PDB file of N, CA and C in Angstrom:
ATOM      1  N   MET A   1       0.605  -0.962  -0.201  1.00  0.00           N
ATOM      2  CA  MET A   1       0.100   0.219  -0.203  1.00  0.00           C
ATOM      3  C   MET A   1       0.844   1.124  -0.090  1.00  0.00           C
ATOM      4  N   ILE A   2       0.660   2.286  -0.747  1.00  0.00           N
ATOM      5  CA  ILE A   2       1.256   3.702  -0.898  1.00  0.00           C
ATOM      6  C   ILE A   2       0.580   4.881   0.011  1.00  0.00           C
ATOM      7  N   GLU A   3       1.152   5.321   0.809  1.00  0.00           N
ATOM      8  CA  GLU A   3       0.153   6.296   1.761  1.00  0.00           C
ATOM      9  C   GLU A   3       0.804   7.707   1.441  1.00  0.00           C
ATOM     10  N   VAL A   4      -0.940   8.497   1.024  1.00  0.00           N
ATOM     11  CA  VAL A   4      -0.342  10.057   1.035  1.00  0.00           C
ATOM     12  C   VAL A   4      -0.800  10.526   1.901  1.00  0.00           C
ATOM     13  N   ASP A   5      -0.605  11.176   2.696  1.00  0.00           N
ATOM     14  CA  ASP A   5      -0.520  12.137   3.651  1.00  0.00           C
ATOM     15  C   ASP A   5      -1.015  13.600   3.428  1.00  0.00           C
ATOM     16  N   LEU A   6      -2.603  13.583   3.802  1.00  0.00           N
ATOM     17  CA  LEU A   6      -2.838  14.971   3.474  1.00  0.00           C
ATOM     18  C   LEU A   6      -2.798  15.951   4.730  1.00  0.00           C
ATOM     19  N   VAL A   7      -2.445  17.143   4.826  1.00  0.00           N
ATOM     20  CA  VAL A   7      -2.846  17.808   6.486  1.00  0.00           C
ATOM     21  C   VAL A   7      -3.237  19.243   5.880  1.00  0.00           C
ATOM     22  N   ASP A   8      -4.337  19.279   7.212  1.00  0.00           N
ATOM     23  CA  ASP A   8      -5.232  20.605   7.246  1.00  0.00           C
ATOM     24  C   ASP A   8      -6.363  20.641   6.153  1.00  0.00           C
ATOM     25  N   TYR A   9      -6.785  19.369   6.395  1.00  0.00           N
ATOM     26  CA  TYR A   9      -8.516  19.013   5.101  1.00  0.00           C
ATOM     27  C   TYR A   9      -9.025  18.730   6.081  1.00  0.00           C
ATOM     28  N   ASP A  10     -10.384  19.600   6.100  1.00  0.00           N
ATOM     29  CA  ASP A  10     -11.527  19.211   7.430  1.00  0.00           C
ATOM     30  C   ASP A  10     -12.319  18.274   7.143  1.00  0.00           C
ATOM     31  N   VAL A  11     -13.017  17.940   8.236  1.00  0.00           N
ATOM     32  CA  VAL A  11     -14.179  16.632   7.766  1.00  0.00           C
ATOM     33  C   VAL A  11     -14.517  16.826   6.589  1.00  0.00           C
ATOM     34  N   ASN A  12     -15.106  17.440   5.671  1.00  0.00           N
ATOM     35  CA  ASN A  12     -15.847  17.923   5.142  1.00  0.00           C
ATOM     36  C   ASN A  12     -15.352  18.066   3.734  1.00  0.00           C
ATOM     37  N   ALA A  13     -14.240  18.466   3.498  1.00  0.00           N
ATOM     38  CA  ALA A  13     -13.146  18.453   2.469  1.00  0.00           C
ATOM     39  C   ALA A  13     -12.764  17.189   2.163  1.00  0.00           C
ATOM     40  N   ILE A  14     -12.637  16.515   3.254  1.00  0.00           N
ATOM     41  CA  ILE A  14     -11.731  15.002   3.210  1.00  0.00           C
ATOM     42  C   ILE A  14     -13.370  13.983   2.514  1.00  0.00           C
ATOM     43  N   LEU A  15     -14.819  14.321   3.051  1.00  0.00           N
ATOM     44  CA  LEU A  15     -15.547  13.451   3.004  1.00  0.00           C
ATOM     45  C   LEU A  15     -15.614  13.997   1.040  1.00  0.00           C
ATOM     46  N   ALA A  16     -15.461  14.840   0.718  1.00  0.00           N
ATOM     47  CA  ALA A  16     -16.204  15.418  -0.744  1.00  0.00           C
ATOM     48  C   ALA A  16     -14.612  14.665  -1.821  1.00  0.00           C
ATOM     49  N   ILE A  17     -13.635  14.488  -1.206  1.00  0.00           N
ATOM     50  CA  ILE A  17     -12.332  13.519  -1.737  1.00  0.00           C
ATOM     51  C   ILE A  17     -12.773  12.429  -2.152  1.00  0.00           C
ATOM     52  N   VAL A  18     -13.040  11.755  -0.716  1.00  0.00           N
ATOM     53  CA  VAL A  18     -13.819  10.836  -0.941  1.00  0.00           C
ATOM     54  C   VAL A  18     -14.555  10.337  -2.219  1.00  0.00           C
ATOM     55  N   ALA A  19     -15.661  10.781  -1.799  1.00  0.00           N
ATOM     56  CA  ALA A  19     -16.825  11.084  -2.675  1.00  0.00           C
ATOM     57  C   ALA A  19     -16.312  10.903  -4.551  1.00  0.00           C
ATOM     58  N   VAL A  20     -15.178  11.605  -4.706  1.00  0.00           N
ATOM     59  CA  VAL A  20     -14.525  11.401  -5.649  1.00  0.00           C
ATOM     60  C   VAL A  20     -13.874  10.560  -5.867  1.00  0.00           C
ATOM     61  N   LEU A  21     -13.122   9.902  -5.140  1.00  0.00           N
ATOM     62  CA  LEU A  21     -12.634   8.506  -5.429  1.00  0.00           C
ATOM     63  C   LEU A  21     -13.474   7.600  -5.847  1.00  0.00           C
ATOM     64  N   LYS A  22     -14.865   7.734  -4.820  1.00  0.00           N
ATOM     65  CA  LYS A  22     -15.798   6.849  -5.333  1.00  0.00           C
ATOM     66  C   LYS A  22     -16.306   6.963  -6.968  1.00  0.00           C
ATOM     67  N   SER A  23     -16.744   8.638  -7.133  1.00  0.00           N
ATOM     68  CA  SER A  23     -17.112   8.127  -8.243  1.00  0.00           C
ATOM     69  C   SER A  23     -16.338   7.331  -9.688  1.00  0.00           C
ATOM     70  N   MET A  24     -15.142   7.769  -9.167  1.00  0.00           N
ATOM     71  CA  MET A  24     -14.119   7.051 -10.290  1.00  0.00           C
ATOM     72  C   MET A  24     -14.069   5.590 -10.411  1.00  0.00           C
ATOM     73  N   ASP A  25     -15.346   5.051  -9.324  1.00  0.00           N
ATOM     74  CA  ASP A  25     -15.049   3.573  -9.291  1.00  0.00           C
ATOM     75  C   ASP A  25     -14.403   2.860  -8.465  1.00  0.00           C
ATOM     76  N   LEU A  26     -13.386   3.384  -7.365  1.00  0.00           N
ATOM     77  CA  LEU A  26     -12.668   3.019  -6.821  1.00  0.00           C
ATOM     78  C   LEU A  26     -13.188   2.545  -5.324  1.00  0.00           C
ATOM     79  N   LYS A  27     -13.141   1.563  -5.137  1.00  0.00           N
ATOM     80  CA  LYS A  27     -13.536   0.957  -3.435  1.00  0.00           C
ATOM     81  C   LYS A  27     -12.898   1.164  -2.458  1.00  0.00           C
ATOM     82  N   ILE A  28     -13.803   1.689  -1.084  1.00  0.00           N
ATOM     83  CA  ILE A  28     -12.988   1.762   0.285  1.00  0.00           C
ATOM     84  C   ILE A  28     -12.574   0.150   0.263  1.00  0.00           C
ATOM     85  N   ASP A  29     -11.518  -0.225   1.066  1.00  0.00           N
ATOM     86  CA  ASP A  29     -10.684  -1.727   1.474  1.00  0.00           C
ATOM     87  C   ASP A  29     -10.404  -2.308   0.069  1.00  0.00           C
ATOM     88  N   ARG A  30     -11.107  -1.841  -1.003  1.00  0.00           N
ATOM     89  CA  ARG A  30     -10.374  -2.651  -2.409  1.00  0.00           C
ATOM     90  C   ARG A  30      -9.097  -2.254  -2.623  1.00  0.00           C
ATOM     91  N   ASP A  31      -9.363  -0.868  -2.904  1.00  0.00           N
ATOM     92  CA  ASP A  31      -8.653   0.081  -3.574  1.00  0.00           C
ATOM     93  C   ASP A  31      -7.773   1.307  -3.277  1.00  0.00           C
ATOM     94  N   PHE A  32      -8.511   1.738  -2.040  1.00  0.00           N
ATOM     95  CA  PHE A  32      -7.795   2.730  -1.329  1.00  0.00           C
ATOM     96  C   PHE A  32      -8.517   2.527   0.125  1.00  0.00           C
ATOM     97  N   ASN A  33      -8.056   3.088   1.391  1.00  0.00           N
ATOM     98  CA  ASN A  33      -8.631   3.131   2.685  1.00  0.00           C
ATOM     99  C   ASN A  33      -7.752   4.718   3.041  1.00  0.00           C
ATOM    100  N   PHE A  34      -8.585   5.504   4.173  1.00  0.00           N
ATOM    101  CA  PHE A  34      -8.309   6.539   4.881  1.00  0.00           C
ATOM    102  C   PHE A  34      -8.331   6.337   6.017  1.00  0.00           C
ATOM    103  N   HIS A  35      -7.695   7.151   6.734  1.00  0.00           N
ATOM    104  CA  HIS A  35      -7.938   7.230   8.298  1.00  0.00           C
ATOM    105  C   HIS A  35      -7.670   8.987   9.233  1.00  0.00           C
ATOM    106  N   TYR A  36      -8.618   9.331   9.531  1.00  0.00           N
ATOM    107  CA  TYR A  36      -8.749  11.000   9.471  1.00  0.00           C
ATOM    108  C   TYR A  36      -8.567  10.952  11.016  1.00  0.00           C
ATOM    109  N   HIS A  37      -7.563  11.674  11.277  1.00  0.00           N
ATOM    110  CA  HIS A  37      -7.012  11.858  12.440  1.00  0.00           C
ATOM    111  C   HIS A  37      -7.649  13.425  12.895  1.00  0.00           C
ATOM    112  N   PRO A  38      -8.989  13.889  13.724  1.00  0.00           N
ATOM    113  CA  PRO A  38      -8.856  15.386  13.936  1.00  0.00           C
ATOM    114  C   PRO A  38      -7.934  16.373  14.850  1.00  0.00           C
ATOM    115  N   PRO A  39      -8.620  17.393  14.497  1.00  0.00           N
ATOM    116  CA  PRO A  39      -7.951  18.693  15.171  1.00  0.00           C
ATOM    117  C   PRO A  39      -7.472  18.545  16.378  1.00  0.00           C
ATOM    118  N   LYS A  40      -6.299  18.434  17.255  1.00  0.00           N
ATOM    119  CA  LYS A  40      -6.352  18.586  18.780  1.00  0.00           C
ATOM    120  C   LYS A  40      -5.841  19.867  19.396  1.00  0.00           C
ATOM    121  N   TYR A  41      -6.235  20.348  20.205  1.00  0.00           N
ATOM    122  CA  TYR A  41      -5.791  22.117  20.524  1.00  0.00           C
ATOM    123  C   TYR A  41      -5.038  21.839  21.524  1.00  0.00           C
ATOM    124  N   ASP A  42      -4.120  22.861  22.085  1.00  0.00           N
ATOM    125  CA  ASP A  42      -2.998  22.639  23.024  1.00  0.00           C
ATOM    126  C   ASP A  42      -3.594  23.558  24.355  1.00  0.00           C
ATOM    127  N   ASN A  43      -5.046  23.926  24.243  1.00  0.00           N
ATOM    128  CA  ASN A  43      -6.246  24.984  25.676  1.00  0.00           C
ATOM    129  C   ASN A  43      -4.678  25.847  26.399  1.00  0.00           C
ATOM    130  N   PHE A  44      -3.460  26.616  25.698  1.00  0.00           N
ATOM    131  CA  PHE A  44      -2.610  27.441  26.036  1.00  0.00           C
ATOM    132  C   PHE A  44      -3.232  28.682  24.915  1.00  0.00           C
ATOM    133  N   SER A  45      -2.929  28.236  23.703  1.00  0.00           N
ATOM    134  CA  SER A  45      -2.969  29.083  22.786  1.00  0.00           C
ATOM    135  C   SER A  45      -4.844  29.341  22.122  1.00  0.00           C
ATOM    136  N   TYR A  46      -4.593  30.761  21.767  1.00  0.00           N
ATOM    137  CA  TYR A  46      -6.102  30.519  21.141  1.00  0.00           C
ATOM    138  C   TYR A  46      -6.336  29.942  19.836  1.00  0.00           C
ATOM    139  N   ASP A  47      -5.674  29.826  19.319  1.00  0.00           N
ATOM    140  CA  ASP A  47      -5.894  29.211  17.805  1.00  0.00           C
ATOM    141  C   ASP A  47      -4.845  27.950  17.004  1.00  0.00           C
ATOM    142  N   ALA A  48      -4.308  27.505  18.259  1.00  0.00           N
ATOM    143  CA  ALA A  48      -2.967  26.382  18.080  1.00  0.00           C
ATOM    144  C   ALA A  48      -4.006  25.244  17.801  1.00  0.00           C
ATOM    145  N   VAL A  49      -4.037  24.709  16.832  1.00  0.00           N
ATOM    146  CA  VAL A  49      -4.467  23.295  16.386  1.00  0.00           C
ATOM    147  C   VAL A  49      -3.374  22.868  15.831  1.00  0.00           C
ATOM    148  N   TYR A  50      -3.482  21.354  15.927  1.00  0.00           N
ATOM    149  CA  TYR A  50      -2.316  20.141  15.564  1.00  0.00           C
ATOM    150  C   TYR A  50      -2.563  19.183  15.181  1.00  0.00           C
ATOM    151  N   ASN A  51      -1.882  18.460  14.647  1.00  0.00           N
ATOM    152  CA  ASN A  51      -1.927  17.091  14.151  1.00  0.00           C
ATOM    153  C   ASN A  51      -3.558  17.015  13.422  1.00  0.00           C
ATOM    154  N   ARG A  52      -3.751  17.653  12.816  1.00  0.00           N
ATOM    155  CA  ARG A  52      -5.093  17.467  11.721  1.00  0.00           C
ATOM    156  C   ARG A  52      -4.477  17.052  10.514  1.00  0.00           C
ATOM    157  N   HIS A  53      -4.886  15.802   9.925  1.00  0.00           N
ATOM    158  CA  HIS A  53      -4.139  15.163   8.942  1.00  0.00           C
ATOM    159  C   HIS A  53      -4.933  13.766   8.452  1.00  0.00           C
ATOM    160  N   THR A  54      -5.174  13.218   7.232  1.00  0.00           N
ATOM    161  CA  THR A  54      -5.543  12.245   7.031  1.00  0.00           C
ATOM    162  C   THR A  54      -4.345  11.900   6.204  1.00  0.00           C
ATOM    163  N   VAL A  55      -4.646  10.229   6.663  1.00  0.00           N
ATOM    164  CA  VAL A  55      -3.812   9.183   5.588  1.00  0.00           C
ATOM    165  C   VAL A  55      -4.293   8.285   4.452  1.00  0.00           C
ATOM    166  N   PHE A  56      -4.092   8.827   3.200  1.00  0.00           N
ATOM    167  CA  PHE A  56      -5.021   7.476   2.235  1.00  0.00           C
ATOM    168  C   PHE A  56      -3.859   6.600   2.095  1.00  0.00           C
ATOM    169  N   SER A  57      -4.303   5.304   1.628  1.00  0.00           N
ATOM    170  CA  SER A  57      -3.899   4.167   1.321  1.00  0.00           C
ATOM    171  C   SER A  57      -4.249   3.670   0.086  1.00  0.00           C
ATOM    172  N   PHE A  58      -3.163   3.995  -0.808  1.00  0.00           N
ATOM    173  CA  PHE A  58      -3.629   3.061  -1.971  1.00  0.00           C
ATOM    174  C   PHE A  58      -3.064   1.962  -2.476  1.00  0.00           C
ATOM    175  N   LYS A  59      -3.698   1.212  -3.066  1.00  0.00           N
ATOM    176  CA  LYS A  59      -3.163  -0.063  -4.062  1.00  0.00           C
ATOM    177  C   LYS A  59      -2.439  -0.244  -5.228  1.00  0.00           C
ATOM    178  N   ASP A  60      -2.719   1.008  -6.063  1.00  0.00           N
ATOM    179  CA  ASP A  60      -2.523   1.267  -7.125  1.00  0.00           C
ATOM    180  C   ASP A  60      -1.424   2.238  -6.982  1.00  0.00           C
ATOM    181  N   GLY A  61       0.036   2.225  -7.698  1.00  0.00           N
ATOM    182  CA  GLY A  61       0.697   3.237  -7.474  1.00  0.00           C
ATOM    183  C   GLY A  61       0.873   4.880  -8.139  1.00  0.00           C
ATOM    184  N   GLY A  62      -0.263   4.214  -9.308  1.00  0.00           N
ATOM    185  CA  GLY A  62      -0.352   5.316 -10.420  1.00  0.00           C
ATOM    186  C   GLY A  62      -2.043   6.095 -10.108  1.00  0.00           C
ATOM    187  N   VAL A  63      -2.730   5.256  -9.135  1.00  0.00           N
ATOM    188  CA  VAL A  63      -3.556   6.513  -8.371  1.00  0.00           C
ATOM    189  C   VAL A  63      -3.061   7.317  -7.528  1.00  0.00           C
ATOM    190  N   ALA A  64      -2.173   6.107  -6.683  1.00  0.00           N
ATOM    191  CA  ALA A  64      -1.639   7.313  -5.641  1.00  0.00           C
ATOM    192  C   ALA A  64      -0.843   8.499  -6.293  1.00  0.00           C
ATOM    193  N   SER A  65      -0.007   8.415  -7.030  1.00  0.00           N
ATOM    194  CA  SER A  65       0.701   9.677  -7.771  1.00  0.00           C
ATOM    195  C   SER A  65      -0.191  10.350  -8.053  1.00  0.00           C
ATOM    196  N   TRP A  66      -1.364  10.216  -9.184  1.00  0.00           N
ATOM    197  CA  TRP A  66      -2.249  11.220  -9.406  1.00  0.00           C
ATOM    198  C   TRP A  66      -2.978  12.266  -7.997  1.00  0.00           C
ATOM    199  N   PHE A  67      -3.425  11.327  -7.148  1.00  0.00           N
ATOM    200  CA  PHE A  67      -3.792  11.856  -5.741  1.00  0.00           C
ATOM    201  C   PHE A  67      -3.019  12.856  -5.318  1.00  0.00           C
ATOM    202  N   ALA A  68      -1.553  12.482  -5.262  1.00  0.00           N
ATOM    203  CA  ALA A  68      -0.603  13.427  -4.193  1.00  0.00           C
ATOM    204  C   ALA A  68      -0.325  14.440  -5.175  1.00  0.00           C
ATOM    205  N   LEU A  69      -0.212  14.285  -6.506  1.00  0.00           N
ATOM    206  CA  LEU A  69      -0.404  15.481  -7.351  1.00  0.00           C
ATOM    207  C   LEU A  69      -1.722  16.392  -7.255  1.00  0.00           C
ATOM    208  N   LYS A  70      -3.333  15.732  -7.465  1.00  0.00           N
ATOM    209  CA  LYS A  70      -4.244  16.737  -7.154  1.00  0.00           C
ATOM    210  C   LYS A  70      -4.432  17.554  -5.857  1.00  0.00           C
ATOM    211  N   TYR A  71      -4.144  16.826  -4.726  1.00  0.00           N
ATOM    212  CA  TYR A  71      -4.581  17.351  -3.205  1.00  0.00           C
ATOM    213  C   TYR A  71      -3.073  17.189  -2.194  1.00  0.00           C
ATOM    214  N   LYS A  72      -2.180  16.986  -2.700  1.00  0.00           N
ATOM    215  CA  LYS A  72      -1.085  17.121  -1.739  1.00  0.00           C
ATOM    216  C   LYS A  72      -0.917  18.693  -1.674  1.00  0.00           C
ATOM    217  N   GLN A  73      -0.587  19.456  -0.547  1.00  0.00           N
ATOM    218  CA  GLN A  73      -0.523  21.012  -0.880  1.00  0.00           C
ATOM    219  C   GLN A  73       1.106  20.930  -0.402  1.00  0.00           C
TER     220      GLN A  73
END
Protein backbone atom coordinates (compact mmCIF):
# COMPACT_ATOMS: atom_id res chain seq x y z
CA MET A 1 0.00 0.00 0.00
CA ILE A 2 1.23 3.49 -0.90
CA GLU A 3 0.37 6.14 1.68
CA VAL A 4 -0.34 9.81 0.99
CA ASP A 5 -0.70 12.17 3.95
CA LEU A 6 -2.97 15.21 3.58
CA VAL A 7 -2.50 17.97 6.16
CA ASP A 8 -5.05 20.61 7.26
CA TYR A 9 -8.09 19.33 5.37
CA ASP A 10 -11.29 19.46 7.42
CA VAL A 11 -13.66 16.51 7.57
CA ASN A 12 -16.03 17.94 4.92
CA ALA A 13 -13.19 18.32 2.43
CA ILE A 14 -12.02 14.76 3.13
CA LEU A 15 -15.51 13.38 2.56
CA ALA A 16 -15.71 15.31 -0.73
CA ILE A 17 -12.39 13.76 -1.81
CA VAL A 18 -13.68 10.29 -0.88
CA ALA A 19 -16.79 10.96 -3.00
CA VAL A 20 -14.55 11.84 -5.96
CA LEU A 21 -12.60 8.61 -5.52
CA LYS A 22 -15.83 6.61 -5.34
CA SER A 23 -17.11 8.31 -8.51
CA MET A 24 -13.94 7.01 -10.22
CA ASP A 25 -15.19 3.48 -9.39
CA LEU A 26 -12.62 2.98 -6.63
CA LYS A 27 -13.82 0.97 -3.65
CA ILE A 28 -12.94 1.49 -0.01
CA ASP A 29 -10.93 -1.45 1.42
CA ARG A 30 -10.31 -2.82 -2.09
CA ASP A 31 -8.57 0.05 -3.89
CA PHE A 32 -7.98 2.59 -1.12
CA ASN A 33 -8.48 3.28 2.54
CA PHE A 34 -8.24 6.42 4.68
CA HIS A 35 -7.81 7.36 8.32
CA TYR A 36 -8.85 10.81 9.50
CA HIS A 37 -7.03 12.21 12.54
CA PRO A 38 -9.08 15.11 14.00
CA PRO A 39 -7.49 18.35 15.19
CA LYS A 40 -6.18 18.63 18.71
CA TYR A 41 -6.02 21.86 20.71
CA ASP A 42 -3.26 22.75 23.13
CA ASN A 43 -5.49 24.66 25.64
CA PHE A 44 -2.88 27.40 26.01
CA SER A 45 -3.16 29.36 22.76
CA TYR A 46 -6.32 30.69 21.18
CA ASP A 47 -5.87 29.22 17.72
CA ALA A 48 -3.27 26.48 18.18
CA VAL A 49 -4.41 23.41 16.28
CA TYR A 50 -2.04 20.61 15.44
CA ASN A 51 -1.96 17.09 14.09
CA ARG A 52 -5.01 17.47 11.82
CA HIS A 53 -4.29 15.12 8.94
CA THR A 54 -5.66 12.25 6.92
CA VAL A 55 -3.68 9.27 5.66
CA PHE A 56 -4.89 7.75 2.40
CA SER A 57 -3.54 4.32 1.42
CA PHE A 58 -3.72 3.15 -2.19
CA LYS A 59 -3.15 -0.25 -3.73
CA ASP A 60 -2.27 1.14 -7.19
CA GLY A 61 0.82 3.35 -7.45
CA GLY A 62 -0.57 5.25 -10.43
CA VAL A 63 -3.68 6.29 -8.52
CA ALA A 64 -1.53 7.25 -5.52
CA SER A 65 0.67 9.46 -7.72
CA TRP A 66 -2.34 11.16 -9.34
CA PHE A 67 -3.91 11.69 -5.91
CA ALA A 68 -0.73 13.22 -4.44
CA LEU A 69 -0.36 15.59 -7.41
CA LYS A 70 -3.98 16.67 -7.19
CA TYR A 71 -4.55 17.01 -3.43
CA LYS A 72 -1.21 17.26 -1.61
CA GLN A 73 -0.41 20.84 -0.57
